[in-house]
């Protein structure tokens, strides 16, 4: 069985010895950064350079830079509107909304890559149908609208040199409760879930990675989707033909608690077929790697998966800023985020 590699959270604005020790563990193939790791553009560049220099092949550096209320890097970055703003534009000005979706993906990816990180775990492909945690993080309540806008957003990311991550498979937007805070069950039938699945079905060939939800869908499996070989192996890989990387959602979330300890959760997502797993709490990451006694070559497959998601910026940020069109894209997104018409 392939061992699932870890993408871990760290503390601070620079690496201390404890963080370096965790990041050098053979099971760790990546880092996820948060607002707690950001104190300005120069600091972020230095931190990413330090992380990139630790190992060969280098560690994957991830972030959630969706826009709206989920944007980890703010000062020094373009204020990005929530994806739901693009869905609202789509109802009256579909062509303009598609253009904005491309700009959003392109500017977001260019800025993240320009600071040395690799991958924003985006876009959200859920539907906005009553979830407490999704809401306007989703493009729309319509699967056709989500698919159309996400397609242009993915093109923007790709043209900037960034891979992508569609989340949260098979759809978190139609169940109210938040998996960060409790065990969540979606009792609908497979037929009733067809709309939520539709964006993943339509975009499967364009996605580099997919993140399963920690929601339980008993119509297929009583376990959360991220711990389910039925959802990952059968539905995602066989039925949808997905050939990319599967990244578990954060194993520290309460919705993952059905599997037991963090170490048990890691084993569960490994058995289900996840290539990589998030452990965002630095304390959990330290405890988990301390309990894992492995040989480095057991994680060759996980390192290869992480390497496939590394960013390759097409231009530096300084080069992008010389282009008037790029500056105009940034301004239009900022105005939209501020609630102005662009």
Foldseek 3Di string as FASTA:
>chain_A
DFAAAEAEEDAEQADDPLNLVLCPQLRHQAYEDALRNDDDLVSLLVRLVVQPPSDVVGHAYEYACLADPGHRDDVVAFHFAALLLLLVCCVPPVVVSLVLLLLRLQRSLQSCVLSNHAAHADDELAEQAAAPPCHSNQNHNFNVRSLSSVVSSLVNNVVQFAAYEYDAPPHDNNFHYDQQEAAAEDADAPVVSCRSNNSCLVCLVSHQEYEHDLHAYVNQNRGGLLLALRNVVPVNCPVSVRDHAYEYEACNGRSLPVQPQSLSSSVSSVVSPHNYYYHYDNVSSSVNSVPDDDDSVSNPSSNVRSVSRGGDGPDHPVVLVVDVVSVVSSVCRNCVNVVHHD
